[in-house]
Amino acid sequence: MRTHALFLVLVLTLPACAVRTPDIPLTETAAGPLVNALEQRRSSFTGLKAVARVQTERSGRKRSYESVAILVKDQEKMKIEAYGPLGQPLLGLSWNGADIQVRKPGEEPMMLQKQSGIERLTGIAVDPEELCAVLSGNMPRMSVSGAARAGCAADGQCFLDVRQDGRQWRFQVIPGAGSPADLQVLAMESYQRGRLQYRASYENTEVRSSYRMPTRIVLSNADKKMSLTVIYEDIDVNPPLLDNDFILTGDGDRP
């Protein structure tokens, strides 16, 4: 059996300070079943409607929001709005599939570029499509054409590396014994030209509408000393969602 072999090959093709091998022995395994399970998991998710607590940290400075409304429609639309203790709107971000709007207290919504809009709110540069994937514990939409390798450890954890257009994603999962709904995603890492963009870790999984949903998500970049922690307190998976749901509310309004 070949342990670490596939990840050593991947590491040798990237900068030495970038993708590192996992700290546990791995045996190479077929990547196809893991890719298929992740894709089936993604297709079984249509959206979520949730109330969450959110904490951001940038260079040691922490900020907490006790009431945050989060709407996600597949990987097509998203809205995040934070409210104060009296229900007053604080921060807001809306993506309608094309444009991003960001609003701060007392300001009109501003149109921003996709990544800069997300970075302004979270501190981490990530496309809105991928943030939708992160918030639902899914893999981003991608075309996997043989550029995938996988290895599994004795404790049942598996690591899947997928490459596309200079990007690399690493998924840490526990395969399900039966349906794709049994698959548990533990973490996802995104690399650009070998450099870590972010790591998303998933905890406290619960099954909602036959979908295994993490209720605590940490999106981070240790090198930039930035993190975003989302703790879902009330969540509805795969609810009906309308286009008007993704419009930022005005001052004094609350969904």
Protein backbone atom coordinates (compact mmCIF):
# COMPACT_ATOMS: atom_id res chain seq x y z
CA MET A 1 0.00 0.00 0.00
CA ARG A 2 1.22 3.51 -0.84
CA THR A 3 0.96 5.96 2.04
CA HIS A 4 1.41 9.70 1.46
CA ALA A 5 2.42 8.98 -2.14
CA LEU A 6 -0.23 10.98 -3.92
CA PHE A 7 0.11 14.03 -1.67
CA LEU A 8 3.90 14.00 -1.91
CA VAL A 9 3.53 14.17 -5.70
CA LEU A 10 1.15 17.11 -5.38
CA VAL A 11 3.42 18.94 -2.96
CA LEU A 12 6.47 18.56 -5.19
CA THR A 13 4.65 20.37 -7.99
CA LEU A 14 3.80 23.38 -5.83
CA PRO A 15 5.84 25.90 -3.78
CA ALA A 16 7.36 24.30 -0.69
CA CYS A 17 5.55 26.68 1.67
CA ALA A 18 2.12 25.94 0.19
CA VAL A 19 0.18 22.67 0.22
CA ARG A 20 1.49 20.30 2.85
CA THR A 21 0.75 16.64 3.38
CA PRO A 22 -1.74 15.65 6.08
CA ASP A 23 -0.20 14.64 9.38
CA ILE A 24 -1.68 11.12 9.27
CA PRO A 25 -0.67 8.16 7.05
CA LEU A 26 -2.83 7.84 3.93
CA THR A 27 -3.47 5.07 1.46
CA GLU A 28 -4.25 6.10 -2.12
CA THR A 29 -7.83 5.34 -3.15
CA ALA A 30 -10.11 6.00 -6.12
CA ALA A 31 -11.16 9.66 -6.28
CA GLY A 32 -14.26 9.12 -8.43
CA PRO A 33 -16.63 7.87 -5.69
CA LEU A 34 -15.74 10.80 -3.41
CA VAL A 35 -16.18 13.34 -6.23
CA ASN A 36 -19.55 11.80 -7.13
CA ALA A 37 -20.71 11.83 -3.50
CA LEU A 38 -19.76 15.51 -3.12
CA GLU A 39 -21.50 16.41 -6.37
CA GLN A 40 -24.65 14.53 -5.35
CA ARG A 41 -24.55 16.25 -1.97
CA ARG A 42 -24.32 19.64 -3.72
CA SER A 43 -27.22 18.85 -6.05
CA SER A 44 -29.40 17.82 -3.09
CA PHE A 45 -29.02 21.32 -1.59
CA THR A 46 -31.28 24.09 -2.94
CA GLY A 47 -30.88 26.70 -0.25
CA LEU A 48 -31.07 27.71 3.39
CA LYS A 49 -32.72 30.29 5.58
CA ALA A 50 -31.07 30.82 8.94
CA VAL A 51 -30.46 33.01 11.95
CA ALA A 52 -26.90 32.87 13.22
CA ARG A 53 -24.31 34.35 15.54
CA VAL A 54 -21.27 35.61 13.67
CA GLN A 55 -17.81 36.60 14.86
CA THR A 56 -15.10 38.20 12.74
CA GLU A 57 -11.45 38.54 13.68
CA ARG A 58 -8.82 40.64 11.90
CA SER A 59 -5.29 40.93 13.27
CA GLY A 60 -6.50 40.15 16.78
CA ARG A 61 -9.47 42.53 16.71
CA LYS A 62 -12.76 40.70 17.25
CA ARG A 63 -16.29 41.81 16.46
CA SER A 64 -19.44 39.86 17.27
CA TYR A 65 -22.96 40.00 15.83
CA GLU A 66 -25.59 38.20 17.89
CA SER A 67 -28.37 38.30 15.28
CA VAL A 68 -27.54 37.67 11.63
CA ALA A 69 -30.04 36.61 8.95
CA ILE A 70 -28.51 34.42 6.24
CA LEU A 71 -30.21 33.40 3.00
CA VAL A 72 -28.54 31.19 0.41
CA LYS A 73 -30.07 29.93 -2.83
CA ASP A 74 -27.91 27.11 -4.20
CA GLN A 75 -24.75 28.86 -5.44
CA GLU A 76 -26.74 31.52 -7.26
CA LYS A 77 -27.89 34.13 -4.71
CA MET A 78 -27.07 35.15 -1.16
CA LYS A 79 -27.97 37.72 1.47
CA ILE A 80 -26.36 38.36 4.86
CA GLU A 81 -27.74 41.01 7.23
CA ALA A 82 -26.64 41.73 10.79
CA TYR A 83 -28.98 43.42 13.30
CA GLY A 84 -28.43 45.25 16.56
CA PRO A 85 -30.13 44.39 19.90
CA LEU A 86 -33.13 46.60 19.05
CA GLY A 87 -33.53 45.14 15.57
CA GLN A 88 -31.77 47.99 13.78
CA PRO A 89 -29.94 46.97 10.57
CA LEU A 90 -26.15 47.00 10.85
CA LEU A 91 -24.08 45.41 8.11
CA GLY A 92 -25.68 44.00 4.99
CA LEU A 93 -24.49 42.15 1.89
CA SER A 94 -26.61 40.95 -1.03
CA TRP A 95 -25.61 39.08 -4.19
CA ASN A 96 -28.24 38.52 -6.87
CA GLY A 97 -26.09 36.31 -9.07
CA ALA A 98 -24.52 39.24 -10.90
CA ASP A 99 -24.08 42.27 -8.64
CA ILE A 100 -23.02 42.69 -5.02
CA GLN A 101 -24.38 45.34 -2.70
CA VAL A 102 -22.83 46.15 0.67
CA ARG A 103 -24.41 48.45 3.24
CA LYS A 104 -22.97 49.90 6.43
CA PRO A 105 -24.99 51.65 9.19
CA GLY A 106 -26.37 54.97 8.01
CA GLU A 107 -25.16 54.45 4.44
CA GLU A 108 -26.94 53.67 1.21
CA PRO A 109 -26.09 50.27 -0.34
CA MET A 110 -22.92 50.42 -2.46
CA MET A 111 -22.29 48.39 -5.60
CA LEU A 112 -18.92 46.63 -5.39
CA GLN A 113 -16.87 44.10 -7.27
CA LYS A 114 -17.64 40.55 -6.26
CA GLN A 115 -14.51 39.59 -4.32
CA SER A 116 -13.90 43.06 -2.88
CA GLY A 117 -17.48 43.16 -1.62
CA ILE A 118 -17.06 39.88 0.23
CA GLU A 119 -13.64 40.91 1.56
CA ARG A 120 -15.07 44.21 2.83
CA LEU A 121 -17.54 42.30 4.99
CA THR A 122 -15.58 39.15 5.95
CA GLY A 123 -11.93 40.13 5.56
CA ILE A 124 -11.31 37.17 3.25
CA ALA A 125 -11.27 37.44 -0.55
CA VAL A 126 -13.63 34.77 -1.90
CA ASP A 127 -16.08 34.74 -4.78
CA PRO A 128 -19.76 34.82 -3.73
CA GLU A 129 -20.38 31.47 -5.43
CA GLU A 130 -17.76 29.90 -3.19
CA LEU A 131 -19.06 31.66 -0.08
CA CYS A 132 -22.46 30.09 -0.81
CA ALA A 133 -20.70 26.72 -0.98
CA VAL A 134 -18.85 27.40 2.28
CA LEU A 135 -22.02 28.44 4.12
CA SER A 136 -23.72 25.19 3.11
CA GLY A 137 -20.75 22.84 3.54
CA ASN A 138 -20.61 22.06 -0.18
CA MET A 139 -18.00 21.85 -2.90
CA PRO A 140 -18.04 24.75 -5.39
CA ARG A 141 -19.31 24.08 -8.88
CA MET A 142 -16.40 22.85 -10.95
CA SER A 143 -15.57 20.62 -13.88
CA VAL A 144 -13.61 17.62 -12.64
CA SER A 145 -11.90 16.00 -15.61
CA GLY A 146 -9.57 13.46 -14.06
CA ALA A 147 -7.63 16.10 -12.08
CA ALA A 148 -8.56 14.56 -8.73
CA ARG A 149 -6.67 12.35 -6.29
CA ALA A 150 -7.72 10.86 -2.98
CA GLY A 151 -6.24 9.13 0.03
CA CYS A 152 -7.84 7.65 3.14
CA ALA A 153 -6.60 7.04 6.68
CA ALA A 154 -7.20 4.09 8.96
CA ASP A 155 -9.71 6.08 11.04
CA GLY A 156 -12.02 6.55 8.02
CA GLN A 157 -11.08 10.12 7.13
CA CYS A 158 -10.36 10.78 3.46
CA PHE A 159 -8.63 13.67 1.69
CA LEU A 160 -9.61 14.62 -1.85
CA ASP A 161 -7.50 17.02 -3.96
CA VAL A 162 -9.12 18.58 -7.03
CA ARG A 163 -7.34 20.85 -9.52
CA GLN A 164 -8.83 23.18 -12.10
CA ASP A 165 -7.48 26.26 -13.94
CA GLY A 166 -4.60 26.91 -11.54
CA ARG A 167 -6.82 26.37 -8.50
CA GLN A 168 -6.72 23.51 -6.05
CA TRP A 169 -9.28 22.44 -3.48
CA ARG A 170 -8.67 19.95 -0.71
CA PHE A 171 -11.66 18.30 0.95
CA GLN A 172 -11.46 16.40 4.22
CA VAL A 173 -14.44 14.06 4.48
CA ILE A 174 -15.80 10.95 6.12
CA PRO A 175 -17.51 8.90 3.38
CA GLY A 176 -21.02 7.70 4.06
CA ALA A 177 -21.89 4.05 4.25
CA GLY A 178 -24.96 4.47 2.08
CA SER A 179 -26.42 7.53 0.39
CA PRO A 180 -24.54 10.79 -0.29
CA ALA A 181 -26.52 12.25 2.62
CA ASP A 182 -24.30 10.15 4.89
CA LEU A 183 -21.15 11.92 3.65
CA GLN A 184 -19.70 14.23 6.31
CA VAL A 185 -17.55 17.15 5.18
CA LEU A 186 -15.01 18.12 7.84
CA ALA A 187 -13.06 20.83 6.02
CA MET A 188 -12.35 22.47 2.66
CA GLU A 189 -9.20 24.36 1.68
CA SER A 190 -8.80 26.59 -1.38
CA TYR A 191 -5.42 27.30 -3.00
CA GLN A 192 -4.48 29.70 -5.79
CA ARG A 193 -1.18 28.87 -7.48
CA GLY A 194 -0.23 26.87 -4.42
CA ARG A 195 -1.03 29.60 -1.90
CA LEU A 196 -3.77 29.08 0.66
CA GLN A 197 -6.73 31.41 0.10
CA TYR A 198 -8.88 30.11 2.92
CA ARG A 199 -9.74 27.11 5.04
CA ALA A 200 -13.32 26.29 5.96
CA SER A 201 -13.89 23.87 8.83
CA TYR A 202 -17.28 22.34 9.66
CA GLU A 203 -18.51 21.19 13.07
CA ASN A 204 -21.64 20.11 14.95
CA THR A 205 -23.36 18.44 12.03
CA GLU A 206 -27.13 17.93 12.13
CA VAL A 207 -29.43 16.27 9.59
CA ARG A 208 -32.04 18.70 8.24
CA SER A 209 -34.39 17.74 5.39
CA SER A 210 -32.22 14.65 4.72
CA TYR A 211 -29.20 16.95 4.35
CA ARG A 212 -26.21 16.75 6.70
CA MET A 213 -25.72 20.40 7.69
CA PRO A 214 -22.84 21.79 9.76
CA THR A 215 -24.09 24.26 12.35
CA ARG A 216 -20.67 25.78 13.13
CA ILE A 217 -18.48 27.00 10.26
CA VAL A 218 -15.09 28.69 10.57
CA LEU A 219 -13.66 30.41 7.48
CA SER A 220 -10.06 31.48 8.07
CA ASN A 221 -6.69 32.48 6.69
CA ALA A 222 -4.03 32.12 9.38
CA ASP A 223 -1.36 33.98 7.41
CA LYS A 224 -3.61 37.05 7.19
CA LYS A 225 -4.81 36.60 10.79
CA MET A 226 -8.43 36.66 9.66
CA SER A 227 -11.37 34.45 10.49
CA LEU A 228 -15.16 34.37 10.18
CA THR A 229 -17.15 32.10 12.50
CA VAL A 230 -20.80 31.35 11.76
CA ILE A 231 -22.93 29.51 14.34
CA TYR A 232 -26.39 28.65 13.06
CA GLU A 233 -29.03 28.86 15.79
CA ASP A 234 -32.20 28.49 13.73
CA ILE A 235 -31.91 26.96 10.29
CA ASP A 236 -34.25 25.77 7.57
CA VAL A 237 -32.64 23.72 4.78
CA ASN A 238 -34.13 23.67 1.27
CA PRO A 239 -37.00 26.12 1.96
CA PRO A 240 -38.86 27.94 -0.84
CA LEU A 241 -37.03 31.21 -1.66
CA LEU A 242 -38.10 34.12 -3.87
CA ASP A 243 -35.92 36.59 -5.78
CA ASN A 244 -37.32 39.45 -3.66
CA ASP A 245 -35.95 37.73 -0.55
CA PHE A 246 -32.45 38.77 -1.61
CA ILE A 247 -33.06 42.52 -1.60
CA LEU A 248 -31.38 44.38 1.28
CA THR A 249 -33.94 45.63 3.78
CA GLY A 250 -34.16 49.34 4.57
CA ASP A 251 -33.65 51.00 7.93
CA GLY A 252 -36.31 49.84 10.34
CA ASP A 253 -37.30 46.86 8.19
CA ARG A 254 -36.55 43.29 9.18
CA PRO A 255 -37.47 40.09 7.37
